[in-house]
PDB file of N, CA and C in Angstrom:
ATOM      1  N   MET A   1      45.798  19.502  24.033  1.00  0.00           N
ATOM      2  CA  MET A   1      46.099  20.765  23.880  1.00  0.00           C
ATOM      3  C   MET A   1      47.190  21.329  24.678  1.00  0.00           C
ATOM      4  N   GLU A   2      48.478  21.910  24.211  1.00  0.00           N
ATOM      5  CA  GLU A   2      49.501  22.398  25.148  1.00  0.00           C
ATOM      6  C   GLU A   2      49.271  23.679  25.521  1.00  0.00           C
ATOM      7  N   ASN A   3      49.676  24.211  26.434  1.00  0.00           N
ATOM      8  CA  ASN A   3      49.659  25.823  26.391  1.00  0.00           C
ATOM      9  C   ASN A   3      50.981  26.148  25.892  1.00  0.00           C
ATOM     10  N   SER A   4      50.670  27.386  25.271  1.00  0.00           N
ATOM     11  CA  SER A   4      52.045  27.881  24.709  1.00  0.00           C
ATOM     12  C   SER A   4      52.697  28.773  25.832  1.00  0.00           C
ATOM     13  N   LYS A   5      53.885  28.913  25.791  1.00  0.00           N
ATOM     14  CA  LYS A   5      54.696  29.803  26.982  1.00  0.00           C
ATOM     15  C   LYS A   5      54.483  31.271  26.167  1.00  0.00           C
ATOM     16  N   SER A   6      54.604  32.235  27.060  1.00  0.00           N
ATOM     17  CA  SER A   6      54.342  33.831  26.888  1.00  0.00           C
ATOM     18  C   SER A   6      55.086  34.109  27.359  1.00  0.00           C
ATOM     19  N   LYS A   7      55.878  35.611  26.891  1.00  0.00           N
ATOM     20  CA  LYS A   7      56.966  36.377  27.409  1.00  0.00           C
ATOM     21  C   LYS A   7      56.035  37.461  28.104  1.00  0.00           C
ATOM     22  N   LEU A   8      54.839  37.553  28.055  1.00  0.00           N
ATOM     23  CA  LEU A   8      53.823  38.487  28.410  1.00  0.00           C
ATOM     24  C   LEU A   8      52.959  38.363  29.516  1.00  0.00           C
ATOM     25  N   SER A   9      53.011  37.072  30.131  1.00  0.00           N
ATOM     26  CA  SER A   9      52.584  36.483  31.234  1.00  0.00           C
ATOM     27  C   SER A   9      53.561  36.338  32.504  1.00  0.00           C
ATOM     28  N   ASN A  10      52.662  36.583  33.751  1.00  0.00           N
ATOM     29  CA  ASN A  10      53.831  36.661  34.907  1.00  0.00           C
ATOM     30  C   ASN A  10      54.076  35.066  35.278  1.00  0.00           C
ATOM     31  N   THR A  11      53.378  34.003  34.626  1.00  0.00           N
ATOM     32  CA  THR A  11      53.281  33.010  35.099  1.00  0.00           C
ATOM     33  C   THR A  11      54.363  32.085  33.939  1.00  0.00           C
ATOM     34  N   GLY A  12      54.279  32.739  32.985  1.00  0.00           N
ATOM     35  CA  GLY A  12      55.139  31.725  31.922  1.00  0.00           C
ATOM     36  C   GLY A  12      54.036  31.075  30.486  1.00  0.00           C
ATOM     37  N   TYR A  13      52.811  31.216  31.097  1.00  0.00           N
ATOM     38  CA  TYR A  13      51.722  30.636  30.347  1.00  0.00           C
ATOM     39  C   TYR A  13      50.890  31.906  29.441  1.00  0.00           C
ATOM     40  N   LYS A  14      50.520  31.750  28.227  1.00  0.00           N
ATOM     41  CA  LYS A  14      49.465  32.861  27.591  1.00  0.00           C
ATOM     42  C   LYS A  14      48.134  32.856  28.320  1.00  0.00           C
ATOM     43  N   GLY A  15      47.749  33.695  28.579  1.00  0.00           N
ATOM     44  CA  GLY A  15      46.524  34.075  28.978  1.00  0.00           C
ATOM     45  C   GLY A  15      46.463  33.960  30.734  1.00  0.00           C
ATOM     46  N   ILE A  16      47.296  33.583  31.245  1.00  0.00           N
ATOM     47  CA  ILE A  16      47.229  33.345  32.716  1.00  0.00           C
ATOM     48  C   ILE A  16      48.341  33.919  33.614  1.00  0.00           C
ATOM     49  N   TYR A  17      47.643  34.921  34.374  1.00  0.00           N
ATOM     50  CA  TYR A  17      48.335  35.650  35.193  1.00  0.00           C
ATOM     51  C   TYR A  17      48.185  35.387  36.536  1.00  0.00           C
ATOM     52  N   PHE A  18      49.156  35.949  37.489  1.00  0.00           N
ATOM     53  CA  PHE A  18      48.796  35.878  38.799  1.00  0.00           C
ATOM     54  C   PHE A  18      48.895  37.527  39.697  1.00  0.00           C
ATOM     55  N   ASP A  19      47.552  37.365  40.352  1.00  0.00           N
ATOM     56  CA  ASP A  19      47.319  38.505  40.885  1.00  0.00           C
ATOM     57  C   ASP A  19      47.610  38.322  41.904  1.00  0.00           C
ATOM     58  N   LYS A  20      48.488  39.318  42.213  1.00  0.00           N
ATOM     59  CA  LYS A  20      49.335  39.063  43.655  1.00  0.00           C
ATOM     60  C   LYS A  20      48.300  39.584  44.884  1.00  0.00           C
ATOM     61  N   GLU A  21      47.222  40.478  44.574  1.00  0.00           N
ATOM     62  CA  GLU A  21      46.347  41.279  45.640  1.00  0.00           C
ATOM     63  C   GLU A  21      45.382  40.336  46.351  1.00  0.00           C
ATOM     64  N   ARG A  22      45.242  39.205  44.827  1.00  0.00           N
ATOM     65  CA  ARG A  22      43.960  38.190  45.446  1.00  0.00           C
ATOM     66  C   ARG A  22      44.691  36.891  46.028  1.00  0.00           C
ATOM     67  N   GLY A  23      46.101  36.606  45.293  1.00  0.00           N
ATOM     68  CA  GLY A  23      46.796  35.249  45.324  1.00  0.00           C
ATOM     69  C   GLY A  23      46.481  34.311  45.078  1.00  0.00           C
ATOM     70  N   GLN A  24      45.665  34.538  43.653  1.00  0.00           N
ATOM     71  CA  GLN A  24      45.147  33.665  43.001  1.00  0.00           C
ATOM     72  C   GLN A  24      45.261  33.797  41.161  1.00  0.00           C
ATOM     73  N   PHE A  25      45.014  32.805  40.368  1.00  0.00           N
ATOM     74  CA  PHE A  25      45.634  32.978  38.771  1.00  0.00           C
ATOM     75  C   PHE A  25      44.401  33.149  38.320  1.00  0.00           C
ATOM     76  N   GLU A  26      44.597  34.669  37.253  1.00  0.00           N
ATOM     77  CA  GLU A  26      43.492  34.530  36.518  1.00  0.00           C
ATOM     78  C   GLU A  26      43.639  34.467  35.202  1.00  0.00           C
ATOM     79  N   VAL A  27      42.783  33.642  34.297  1.00  0.00           N
ATOM     80  CA  VAL A  27      42.793  33.278  33.486  1.00  0.00           C
ATOM     81  C   VAL A  27      41.907  34.090  32.062  1.00  0.00           C
ATOM     82  N   GLN A  28      42.386  34.619  30.841  1.00  0.00           N
ATOM     83  CA  GLN A  28      41.623  35.250  30.016  1.00  0.00           C
ATOM     84  C   GLN A  28      42.330  34.594  28.461  1.00  0.00           C
ATOM     85  N   VAL A  29      41.307  34.827  27.955  1.00  0.00           N
ATOM     86  CA  VAL A  29      41.531  34.447  26.407  1.00  0.00           C
ATOM     87  C   VAL A  29      41.170  35.505  25.350  1.00  0.00           C
ATOM     88  N   SER A  30      42.261  35.551  24.527  1.00  0.00           N
ATOM     89  CA  SER A  30      42.211  36.763  23.866  1.00  0.00           C
ATOM     90  C   SER A  30      41.814  36.339  22.381  1.00  0.00           C
ATOM     91  N   HIS A  31      40.803  37.002  21.691  1.00  0.00           N
ATOM     92  CA  HIS A  31      40.230  36.797  20.411  1.00  0.00           C
ATOM     93  C   HIS A  31      40.195  37.990  19.332  1.00  0.00           C
ATOM     94  N   LYS A  32      40.970  37.558  18.031  1.00  0.00           N
ATOM     95  CA  LYS A  32      41.257  38.921  17.148  1.00  0.00           C
ATOM     96  C   LYS A  32      40.092  38.626  16.237  1.00  0.00           C
ATOM     97  N   SER A  33      38.927  39.519  16.516  1.00  0.00           N
ATOM     98  CA  SER A  33      38.391  39.602  15.123  1.00  0.00           C
ATOM     99  C   SER A  33      38.913  40.051  13.697  1.00  0.00           C
ATOM    100  N   LEU A  34      38.885  39.158  12.896  1.00  0.00           N
ATOM    101  CA  LEU A  34      39.450  39.197  11.366  1.00  0.00           C
ATOM    102  C   LEU A  34      38.544  40.530  10.734  1.00  0.00           C
ATOM    103  N   SER A  35      37.436  40.600  10.517  1.00  0.00           N
ATOM    104  CA  SER A  35      36.711  41.612   9.827  1.00  0.00           C
ATOM    105  C   SER A  35      37.049  42.976  10.377  1.00  0.00           C
ATOM    106  N   ARG A  36      37.157  43.509  12.161  1.00  0.00           N
ATOM    107  CA  ARG A  36      37.329  44.776  12.405  1.00  0.00           C
ATOM    108  C   ARG A  36      39.167  44.779  12.928  1.00  0.00           C
ATOM    109  N   LYS A  37      39.777  43.781  13.158  1.00  0.00           N
ATOM    110  CA  LYS A  37      40.987  43.779  13.464  1.00  0.00           C
ATOM    111  C   LYS A  37      41.146  44.085  14.970  1.00  0.00           C
ATOM    112  N   ILE A  38      40.296  43.672  15.710  1.00  0.00           N
ATOM    113  CA  ILE A  38      40.347  44.102  17.177  1.00  0.00           C
ATOM    114  C   ILE A  38      40.342  42.964  17.735  1.00  0.00           C
ATOM    115  N   THR A  39      41.319  43.127  19.033  1.00  0.00           N
ATOM    116  CA  THR A  39      41.398  42.346  19.832  1.00  0.00           C
ATOM    117  C   THR A  39      40.482  42.333  20.887  1.00  0.00           C
ATOM    118  N   LYS A  40      39.879  41.125  21.546  1.00  0.00           N
ATOM    119  CA  LYS A  40      39.235  41.107  22.646  1.00  0.00           C
ATOM    120  C   LYS A  40      39.484  39.990  23.688  1.00  0.00           C
ATOM    121  N   SER A  41      39.403  40.800  25.119  1.00  0.00           N
ATOM    122  CA  SER A  41      39.730  39.566  25.997  1.00  0.00           C
ATOM    123  C   SER A  41      38.550  39.176  26.513  1.00  0.00           C
ATOM    124  N   ILE A  42      38.549  37.663  26.682  1.00  0.00           N
ATOM    125  CA  ILE A  42      37.280  37.277  27.133  1.00  0.00           C
ATOM    126  C   ILE A  42      37.909  36.358  28.778  1.00  0.00           C
ATOM    127  N   TYR A  43      37.296  37.305  30.000  1.00  0.00           N
ATOM    128  CA  TYR A  43      37.443  36.709  31.279  1.00  0.00           C
ATOM    129  C   TYR A  43      36.929  35.232  31.773  1.00  0.00           C
ATOM    130  N   VAL A  44      38.043  34.334  31.723  1.00  0.00           N
ATOM    131  CA  VAL A  44      37.573  33.037  32.293  1.00  0.00           C
ATOM    132  C   VAL A  44      36.929  33.080  33.897  1.00  0.00           C
ATOM    133  N   GLY A  45      37.896  33.106  34.524  1.00  0.00           N
ATOM    134  CA  GLY A  45      37.935  33.152  35.750  1.00  0.00           C
ATOM    135  C   GLY A  45      39.132  33.556  36.995  1.00  0.00           C
ATOM    136  N   LEU A  46      38.643  33.067  37.843  1.00  0.00           N
ATOM    137  CA  LEU A  46      40.265  33.012  39.015  1.00  0.00           C
ATOM    138  C   LEU A  46      40.318  31.365  39.743  1.00  0.00           C
ATOM    139  N   TYR A  47      41.319  31.238  39.993  1.00  0.00           N
ATOM    140  CA  TYR A  47      41.880  30.125  40.188  1.00  0.00           C
ATOM    141  C   TYR A  47      42.743  30.051  41.442  1.00  0.00           C
ATOM    142  N   GLU A  48      42.838  28.979  42.275  1.00  0.00           N
ATOM    143  CA  GLU A  48      43.507  29.052  43.442  1.00  0.00           C
ATOM    144  C   GLU A  48      45.084  28.249  43.092  1.00  0.00           C
ATOM    145  N   SER A  49      44.991  27.845  41.848  1.00  0.00           N
ATOM    146  CA  SER A  49      46.405  27.072  41.516  1.00  0.00           C
ATOM    147  C   SER A  49      46.766  27.250  40.019  1.00  0.00           C
ATOM    148  N   LEU A  50      47.870  27.093  39.569  1.00  0.00           N
ATOM    149  CA  LEU A  50      48.284  27.468  38.186  1.00  0.00           C
ATOM    150  C   LEU A  50      47.564  26.127  37.075  1.00  0.00           C
ATOM    151  N   LYS A  51      47.569  24.768  38.110  1.00  0.00           N
ATOM    152  CA  LYS A  51      47.584  23.539  37.054  1.00  0.00           C
ATOM    153  C   LYS A  51      45.756  23.620  37.071  1.00  0.00           C
ATOM    154  N   GLU A  52      44.904  24.489  38.025  1.00  0.00           N
ATOM    155  CA  GLU A  52      43.536  24.555  37.793  1.00  0.00           C
ATOM    156  C   GLU A  52      43.337  25.725  36.786  1.00  0.00           C
ATOM    157  N   ALA A  53      44.068  26.708  36.585  1.00  0.00           N
ATOM    158  CA  ALA A  53      44.153  27.712  35.607  1.00  0.00           C
ATOM    159  C   ALA A  53      44.188  27.325  34.088  1.00  0.00           C
ATOM    160  N   ILE A  54      45.432  26.222  33.993  1.00  0.00           N
ATOM    161  CA  ILE A  54      45.608  25.925  32.680  1.00  0.00           C
ATOM    162  C   ILE A  54      44.627  25.060  32.210  1.00  0.00           C
ATOM    163  N   LYS A  55      43.848  24.098  33.354  1.00  0.00           N
ATOM    164  CA  LYS A  55      43.232  23.195  32.736  1.00  0.00           C
ATOM    165  C   LYS A  55      41.639  23.900  32.432  1.00  0.00           C
ATOM    166  N   ALA A  56      41.657  25.218  33.037  1.00  0.00           N
ATOM    167  CA  ALA A  56      40.220  25.526  32.901  1.00  0.00           C
ATOM    168  C   ALA A  56      40.224  26.642  31.617  1.00  0.00           C
ATOM    169  N   ARG A  57      41.445  26.970  31.253  1.00  0.00           N
ATOM    170  CA  ARG A  57      42.004  27.775  29.835  1.00  0.00           C
ATOM    171  C   ARG A  57      41.513  27.001  28.791  1.00  0.00           C
ATOM    172  N   GLU A  58      42.258  25.652  28.918  1.00  0.00           N
ATOM    173  CA  GLU A  58      42.120  24.683  27.824  1.00  0.00           C
ATOM    174  C   GLU A  58      40.760  24.202  27.511  1.00  0.00           C
ATOM    175  N   GLU A  59      40.189  23.881  28.372  1.00  0.00           N
ATOM    176  CA  GLU A  59      38.890  23.830  28.449  1.00  0.00           C
ATOM    177  C   GLU A  59      37.659  24.744  28.045  1.00  0.00           C
ATOM    178  N   PHE A  60      38.244  25.936  28.226  1.00  0.00           N
ATOM    179  CA  PHE A  60      37.320  27.160  27.694  1.00  0.00           C
ATOM    180  C   PHE A  60      37.535  27.146  25.956  1.00  0.00           C
ATOM    181  N   ILE A  61      38.728  26.711  25.865  1.00  0.00           N
ATOM    182  CA  ILE A  61      39.409  26.722  24.230  1.00  0.00           C
ATOM    183  C   ILE A  61      38.536  26.091  23.848  1.00  0.00           C
ATOM    184  N   LYS A  62      38.542  24.612  23.951  1.00  0.00           N
ATOM    185  CA  LYS A  62      38.142  23.320  23.655  1.00  0.00           C
ATOM    186  C   LYS A  62      36.535  23.592  23.230  1.00  0.00           C
ATOM    187  N   SER A  63      35.909  24.337  24.226  1.00  0.00           N
ATOM    188  CA  SER A  63      34.349  24.614  24.176  1.00  0.00           C
ATOM    189  C   SER A  63      34.011  26.000  22.833  1.00  0.00           C
ATOM    190  N   LEU A  64      35.069  26.616  22.701  1.00  0.00           N
ATOM    191  CA  LEU A  64      34.581  27.213  21.415  1.00  0.00           C
ATOM    192  C   LEU A  64      34.787  26.803  20.181  1.00  0.00           C
ATOM    193  N   PHE A  65      35.444  25.367  20.412  1.00  0.00           N
ATOM    194  CA  PHE A  65      34.984  24.795  18.847  1.00  0.00           C
ATOM    195  C   PHE A  65      34.324  23.628  18.987  1.00  0.00           C
TER     196      PHE A  65
END
């Protein structure tokens, strides 16, 4: 699974943001409820490198299915 590029993320990867204060990459996955039309963000964690963050996000998404 390839991570899609995002215009909203400061890393260029959807759901992965660099936290300047912590010096780490934060991973979140958004889920939109079809019945309520509400978007929820699920916090996945903080990671030292972008590579680790990408891997964690991909593994988390795979675990949902």
